[in-house]
Amino acid sequence: MNTRFTIKYTNWDDSSHGQHNIEIKDGGESLFKGDAIGGKGRTVTYQVPALPAGVYKFLCTRHTFMDGDFVVG
């Protein structure tokens, strides 16, 4: 079953390169890419389209070393 969901993201980076976002990928294919936000304490809520259950990769497209696994149930 495909499930739509939201991601509430708060940027706590107070450095000069503090703009971040979230992109969800399946292999090399981008499934969702949120706008970058800057400013310590700024919050955004991303509306993610329906995805099948599974494990996906996520990353900050501005700082690709910021990554991990995202589980959709």
Protein backbone atom coordinates (compact mmCIF):
# COMPACT_ATOMS: atom_id res chain seq x y z
CA MET A 1 0.00 0.00 0.00
CA ASN A 2 1.28 3.48 -0.84
CA THR A 3 1.23 6.01 1.98
CA ARG A 4 1.35 9.81 1.87
CA PHE A 5 3.07 11.45 4.81
CA THR A 6 4.57 14.68 6.11
CA ILE A 7 8.04 15.45 7.39
CA LYS A 8 8.35 18.24 9.94
CA TYR A 9 11.95 19.44 9.73
CA THR A 10 13.64 22.04 11.95
CA ASN A 11 17.02 23.46 10.93
CA TRP A 12 19.22 23.77 14.04
CA ASP A 13 22.39 24.70 12.13
CA ASP A 14 23.64 28.16 13.10
CA SER A 15 26.74 28.11 10.88
CA SER A 16 27.32 30.21 7.77
CA HIS A 17 26.43 27.23 5.53
CA GLY A 18 23.19 26.53 7.38
CA GLN A 19 20.79 25.90 4.49
CA HIS A 20 19.50 22.33 4.42
CA ASN A 21 16.77 20.25 2.83
CA ILE A 22 15.62 16.66 2.51
CA GLU A 23 15.64 14.57 -0.65
CA ILE A 24 14.33 10.98 -0.69
CA LYS A 25 15.84 8.64 -3.27
CA ASP A 26 15.33 5.10 -4.48
CA GLY A 27 18.58 4.07 -6.15
CA GLY A 28 19.49 7.05 -8.32
CA GLU A 29 15.88 8.20 -8.73
CA SER A 30 14.69 11.22 -6.77
CA LEU A 31 11.23 10.54 -5.29
CA PHE A 32 10.91 13.78 -3.31
CA LYS A 33 12.99 16.93 -2.91
CA GLY A 34 12.05 19.63 -0.42
CA ASP A 35 13.08 23.27 -0.64
CA ALA A 36 16.16 24.28 1.35
CA ILE A 37 15.62 26.32 4.48
CA GLY A 38 18.10 28.43 6.40
CA GLY A 39 18.09 30.11 9.74
CA LYS A 40 18.54 28.38 13.05
CA GLY A 41 15.22 27.23 14.46
CA ARG A 42 13.28 27.63 11.21
CA THR A 43 10.79 24.81 10.61
CA VAL A 44 9.19 23.53 7.42
CA THR A 45 6.61 20.80 6.89
CA TYR A 46 7.15 18.82 3.69
CA GLN A 47 4.17 17.06 2.09
CA VAL A 48 5.58 13.85 0.60
CA PRO A 49 3.61 12.02 -2.12
CA ALA A 50 2.53 8.42 -1.59
CA LEU A 51 5.39 5.92 -1.51
CA PRO A 52 5.30 2.13 -1.22
CA ALA A 53 6.47 0.65 2.08
CA GLY A 54 10.22 0.19 2.13
CA VAL A 55 13.59 1.63 3.04
CA TYR A 56 14.79 4.67 1.08
CA LYS A 57 17.90 6.82 1.22
CA PHE A 58 17.62 10.46 2.26
CA LEU A 59 20.15 13.25 2.05
CA CYS A 60 20.62 16.98 2.21
CA THR A 61 21.32 18.00 -1.38
CA ARG A 62 23.45 20.91 -0.19
CA HIS A 63 25.65 18.66 1.98
CA THR A 64 25.55 15.14 0.57
CA PHE A 65 27.48 13.73 3.54
CA MET A 66 24.28 14.32 5.57
CA ASP A 67 22.40 11.16 4.72
CA GLY A 68 20.72 8.10 6.13
CA ASP A 69 17.90 5.61 5.73
CA PHE A 70 14.23 6.58 5.71
CA VAL A 71 11.65 3.89 6.52
CA VAL A 72 8.13 4.11 5.06
CA GLY A 73 5.74 1.72 6.79
